[in-house]
Amino acid sequence: MLEHLIRSLTIRDVFASPSLRWADPRAHLLAGAQWEAIAQDVLASLSLTDPVQKHLNDKVLALDAAWKQMAARLEEAARTRWSRW
């Protein structure tokens, strides 16, 4: 039982409160008016000039391209390895 709890804490399936290490990190996120009040300053400090959704979409496209490139290289590597034998 204790091993299951430790595993769940590690992969963030459960949270312990109060705790700095095992607390829910989403609990400290700003939302609504609090976020709107500082959003522009935060985004500017991160050099994010594009709208958030565009920035995230660009990251999704880049990640998808990287996964596809890795998959193609793995297929090529598998063929190369076996062709030597």
N, C-alpha and C. Protein backbone atom coordinates (compact mmCIF):
# COMPACT_ATOMS: atom_id res chain seq x y z
N MET A 1 0.82 -1.19 0.00
CA MET A 1 0.00 0.00 0.00
C MET A 1 0.87 1.26 0.00
N LEU A 2 1.89 1.28 0.82
CA LEU A 2 2.77 2.44 0.90
C LEU A 2 3.54 2.63 -0.41
N GLU A 3 3.95 1.53 -1.03
CA GLU A 3 4.65 1.64 -2.32
C GLU A 3 3.74 2.25 -3.38
N HIS A 4 2.47 1.87 -3.36
CA HIS A 4 1.51 2.42 -4.32
C HIS A 4 1.33 3.92 -4.09
N LEU A 5 1.25 4.35 -2.82
CA LEU A 5 1.13 5.77 -2.51
C LEU A 5 2.35 6.54 -2.99
N ILE A 6 3.53 6.01 -2.73
CA ILE A 6 4.76 6.69 -3.15
C ILE A 6 4.81 6.79 -4.67
N ARG A 7 4.44 5.73 -5.38
CA ARG A 7 4.42 5.76 -6.84
C ARG A 7 3.42 6.80 -7.34
N SER A 8 2.25 6.86 -6.70
CA SER A 8 1.23 7.82 -7.11
C SER A 8 1.67 9.26 -6.85
N LEU A 9 2.36 9.48 -5.75
CA LEU A 9 2.89 10.82 -5.47
C LEU A 9 3.92 11.21 -6.52
N THR A 10 4.76 10.28 -6.89
CA THR A 10 5.83 10.55 -7.85
C THR A 10 5.29 10.93 -9.22
N ILE A 11 4.25 10.24 -9.67
CA ILE A 11 3.71 10.54 -11.00
C ILE A 11 2.55 11.53 -10.93
N ARG A 12 2.36 12.12 -9.76
CA ARG A 12 1.37 13.18 -9.55
C ARG A 12 -0.07 12.72 -9.78
N ASP A 13 -0.35 11.47 -9.40
CA ASP A 13 -1.74 11.00 -9.41
C ASP A 13 -2.46 11.46 -8.15
N VAL A 14 -1.72 11.62 -7.06
CA VAL A 14 -2.28 12.12 -5.80
C VAL A 14 -1.36 13.22 -5.30
N PHE A 15 -1.89 14.04 -4.39
CA PHE A 15 -1.13 15.16 -3.85
C PHE A 15 -1.25 15.14 -2.33
N ALA A 16 -0.24 15.66 -1.67
CA ALA A 16 -0.24 15.76 -0.21
C ALA A 16 -0.25 17.24 0.17
N SER A 17 -1.12 17.57 1.08
CA SER A 17 -1.21 18.95 1.52
C SER A 17 -1.24 18.98 3.05
N PRO A 18 -0.51 19.83 3.69
CA PRO A 18 0.43 20.81 3.14
C PRO A 18 1.78 20.16 2.86
N SER A 19 2.34 20.46 1.74
CA SER A 19 3.65 19.94 1.36
C SER A 19 4.20 20.80 0.23
N LEU A 20 5.47 21.09 0.28
CA LEU A 20 6.09 21.81 -0.83
C LEU A 20 6.43 20.86 -1.97
N ARG A 21 6.90 19.68 -1.62
CA ARG A 21 7.35 18.73 -2.64
C ARG A 21 6.19 17.99 -3.30
N TRP A 22 5.18 17.61 -2.53
CA TRP A 22 4.12 16.75 -3.05
C TRP A 22 2.79 17.47 -3.25
N ALA A 23 2.78 18.78 -3.18
CA ALA A 23 1.54 19.55 -3.36
C ALA A 23 1.17 19.63 -4.84
N ASP A 24 -0.07 20.00 -5.09
CA ASP A 24 -0.57 20.15 -6.45
C ASP A 24 -0.03 21.47 -7.02
N PRO A 25 0.85 21.43 -8.03
CA PRO A 25 1.42 22.68 -8.55
C PRO A 25 0.38 23.58 -9.20
N ARG A 26 -0.73 23.01 -9.64
CA ARG A 26 -1.78 23.82 -10.26
C ARG A 26 -2.50 24.70 -9.25
N ALA A 27 -2.38 24.36 -7.97
CA ALA A 27 -3.07 25.12 -6.94
C ALA A 27 -2.53 26.55 -6.82
N HIS A 28 -1.32 26.79 -7.31
CA HIS A 28 -0.70 28.10 -7.20
C HIS A 28 -0.80 28.94 -8.48
N LEU A 29 -1.48 28.41 -9.48
CA LEU A 29 -1.64 29.17 -10.72
C LEU A 29 -2.65 30.29 -10.54
N LEU A 30 -2.40 31.39 -11.20
CA LEU A 30 -3.34 32.51 -11.16
C LEU A 30 -4.41 32.29 -12.22
N ALA A 31 -5.60 32.80 -11.94
CA ALA A 31 -6.70 32.67 -12.89
C ALA A 31 -7.56 33.93 -12.83
N GLY A 32 -8.37 34.08 -13.83
CA GLY A 32 -9.33 35.18 -13.85
C GLY A 32 -8.68 36.54 -13.79
N ALA A 33 -9.22 37.40 -12.94
CA ALA A 33 -8.76 38.79 -12.84
C ALA A 33 -7.31 38.88 -12.38
N GLN A 34 -6.90 37.97 -11.49
CA GLN A 34 -5.51 37.99 -11.02
C GLN A 34 -4.54 37.76 -12.19
N TRP A 35 -4.85 36.78 -13.03
CA TRP A 35 -3.99 36.50 -14.18
C TRP A 35 -4.04 37.65 -15.18
N GLU A 36 -5.23 38.14 -15.47
CA GLU A 36 -5.38 39.22 -16.45
C GLU A 36 -4.59 40.46 -16.02
N ALA A 37 -4.49 40.70 -14.72
CA ALA A 37 -3.79 41.89 -14.22
C ALA A 37 -2.29 41.85 -14.51
N ILE A 38 -1.71 40.67 -14.55
CA ILE A 38 -0.25 40.58 -14.74
C ILE A 38 0.15 39.82 -16.00
N ALA A 39 -0.79 39.35 -16.78
CA ALA A 39 -0.49 38.51 -17.94
C ALA A 39 0.49 39.17 -18.90
N GLN A 40 0.25 40.43 -19.25
CA GLN A 40 1.13 41.10 -20.22
C GLN A 40 2.56 41.22 -19.70
N ASP A 41 2.71 41.51 -18.41
CA ASP A 41 4.06 41.61 -17.83
C ASP A 41 4.77 40.26 -17.85
N VAL A 42 4.04 39.21 -17.50
CA VAL A 42 4.63 37.86 -17.49
C VAL A 42 5.04 37.46 -18.90
N LEU A 43 4.14 37.64 -19.86
CA LEU A 43 4.44 37.26 -21.24
C LEU A 43 5.61 38.07 -21.80
N ALA A 44 5.65 39.36 -21.49
CA ALA A 44 6.76 40.20 -21.96
C ALA A 44 8.08 39.76 -21.33
N SER A 45 8.06 39.40 -20.06
CA SER A 45 9.30 38.96 -19.40
C SER A 45 9.82 37.65 -19.99
N LEU A 46 8.92 36.88 -20.59
CA LEU A 46 9.31 35.63 -21.25
C LEU A 46 9.56 35.82 -22.74
N SER A 47 9.51 37.06 -23.20
CA SER A 47 9.68 37.41 -24.62
C SER A 47 8.65 36.72 -25.50
N LEU A 48 7.44 36.59 -25.00
CA LEU A 48 6.35 35.99 -25.76
C LEU A 48 5.45 37.11 -26.28
N THR A 49 5.66 37.48 -27.52
CA THR A 49 4.88 38.58 -28.09
C THR A 49 3.64 38.09 -28.82
N ASP A 50 3.65 36.83 -29.27
CA ASP A 50 2.48 36.27 -29.95
C ASP A 50 1.39 35.94 -28.94
N PRO A 51 0.16 35.87 -29.40
CA PRO A 51 -0.92 35.41 -28.51
C PRO A 51 -0.59 34.00 -27.97
N VAL A 52 -1.05 33.71 -26.78
CA VAL A 52 -0.73 32.44 -26.13
C VAL A 52 -1.12 31.26 -27.01
N GLN A 53 -2.32 31.28 -27.57
CA GLN A 53 -2.78 30.15 -28.37
C GLN A 53 -1.90 29.91 -29.58
N LYS A 54 -1.45 30.99 -30.23
CA LYS A 54 -0.54 30.83 -31.38
C LYS A 54 0.78 30.23 -30.93
N HIS A 55 1.30 30.70 -29.82
CA HIS A 55 2.55 30.18 -29.28
C HIS A 55 2.42 28.68 -29.00
N LEU A 56 1.33 28.29 -28.35
CA LEU A 56 1.13 26.87 -28.03
C LEU A 56 0.95 26.04 -29.30
N ASN A 57 0.22 26.56 -30.27
CA ASN A 57 0.04 25.84 -31.53
C ASN A 57 1.37 25.63 -32.24
N ASP A 58 2.23 26.65 -32.23
CA ASP A 58 3.56 26.51 -32.83
C ASP A 58 4.37 25.43 -32.13
N LYS A 59 4.28 25.39 -30.80
CA LYS A 59 5.01 24.36 -30.04
C LYS A 59 4.48 22.97 -30.35
N VAL A 60 3.16 22.85 -30.48
CA VAL A 60 2.56 21.55 -30.82
C VAL A 60 3.05 21.09 -32.19
N LEU A 61 3.08 21.99 -33.16
CA LEU A 61 3.56 21.63 -34.50
C LEU A 61 5.03 21.22 -34.48
N ALA A 62 5.84 21.94 -33.72
CA ALA A 62 7.27 21.60 -33.63
C ALA A 62 7.46 20.25 -32.96
N LEU A 63 6.71 19.99 -31.90
CA LEU A 63 6.82 18.71 -31.21
C LEU A 63 6.36 17.57 -32.10
N ASP A 64 5.27 17.77 -32.83
CA ASP A 64 4.78 16.75 -33.75
C ASP A 64 5.81 16.44 -34.83
N ALA A 65 6.44 17.48 -35.37
CA ALA A 65 7.46 17.28 -36.40
C ALA A 65 8.66 16.51 -35.83
N ALA A 66 9.04 16.83 -34.60
CA ALA A 66 10.17 16.14 -33.98
C ALA A 66 9.86 14.66 -33.76
N TRP A 67 8.65 14.35 -33.31
CA TRP A 67 8.26 12.95 -33.12
C TRP A 67 8.27 12.20 -34.44
N LYS A 68 7.75 12.82 -35.50
CA LYS A 68 7.73 12.16 -36.81
C LYS A 68 9.15 11.93 -37.32
N GLN A 69 10.02 12.91 -37.12
CA GLN A 69 11.41 12.77 -37.55
C GLN A 69 12.09 11.64 -36.78
N MET A 70 11.84 11.57 -35.47
CA MET A 70 12.44 10.51 -34.67
C MET A 70 11.93 9.14 -35.12
N ALA A 71 10.63 9.03 -35.39
CA ALA A 71 10.06 7.76 -35.83
C ALA A 71 10.69 7.32 -37.15
N ALA A 72 10.88 8.25 -38.07
CA ALA A 72 11.51 7.92 -39.35
C ALA A 72 12.95 7.47 -39.15
N ARG A 73 13.66 8.14 -38.27
CA ARG A 73 15.06 7.76 -38.01
C ARG A 73 15.15 6.40 -37.34
N LEU A 74 14.20 6.09 -36.45
CA LEU A 74 14.21 4.78 -35.81
C LEU A 74 13.98 3.68 -36.83
N GLU A 75 13.05 3.91 -37.75
CA GLU A 75 12.81 2.92 -38.80
C GLU A 75 14.06 2.73 -39.65
N GLU A 76 14.70 3.82 -40.01
CA GLU A 76 15.92 3.75 -40.81
C GLU A 76 17.03 3.05 -40.05
N ALA A 77 17.18 3.36 -38.77
CA ALA A 77 18.21 2.73 -37.96
C ALA A 77 17.97 1.23 -37.82
N ALA A 78 16.73 0.84 -37.68
CA ALA A 78 16.41 -0.58 -37.57
C ALA A 78 16.78 -1.32 -38.85
N ARG A 79 16.47 -0.73 -40.00
CA ARG A 79 16.81 -1.36 -41.28
C ARG A 79 18.33 -1.43 -41.46
N THR A 80 19.02 -0.38 -41.10
CA THR A 80 20.47 -0.34 -41.25
C THR A 80 21.14 -1.38 -40.38
N ARG A 81 20.69 -1.50 -39.17
CA ARG A 81 21.29 -2.45 -38.24
C ARG A 81 21.14 -3.88 -38.73
N TRP A 82 19.97 -4.21 -39.19
CA TRP A 82 19.73 -5.59 -39.63
C TRP A 82 20.41 -5.87 -40.97
N SER A 83 20.58 -4.86 -41.80
CA SER A 83 21.20 -5.11 -43.10
C SER A 83 22.69 -5.43 -42.98
N ARG A 84 23.30 -5.09 -41.87
CA ARG A 84 24.72 -5.39 -41.66
C ARG A 84 24.93 -6.87 -41.36
N TRP A 85 23.95 -7.53 -40.85
CA TRP A 85 24.10 -8.93 -40.45
C TRP A 85 23.98 -9.77 -41.64
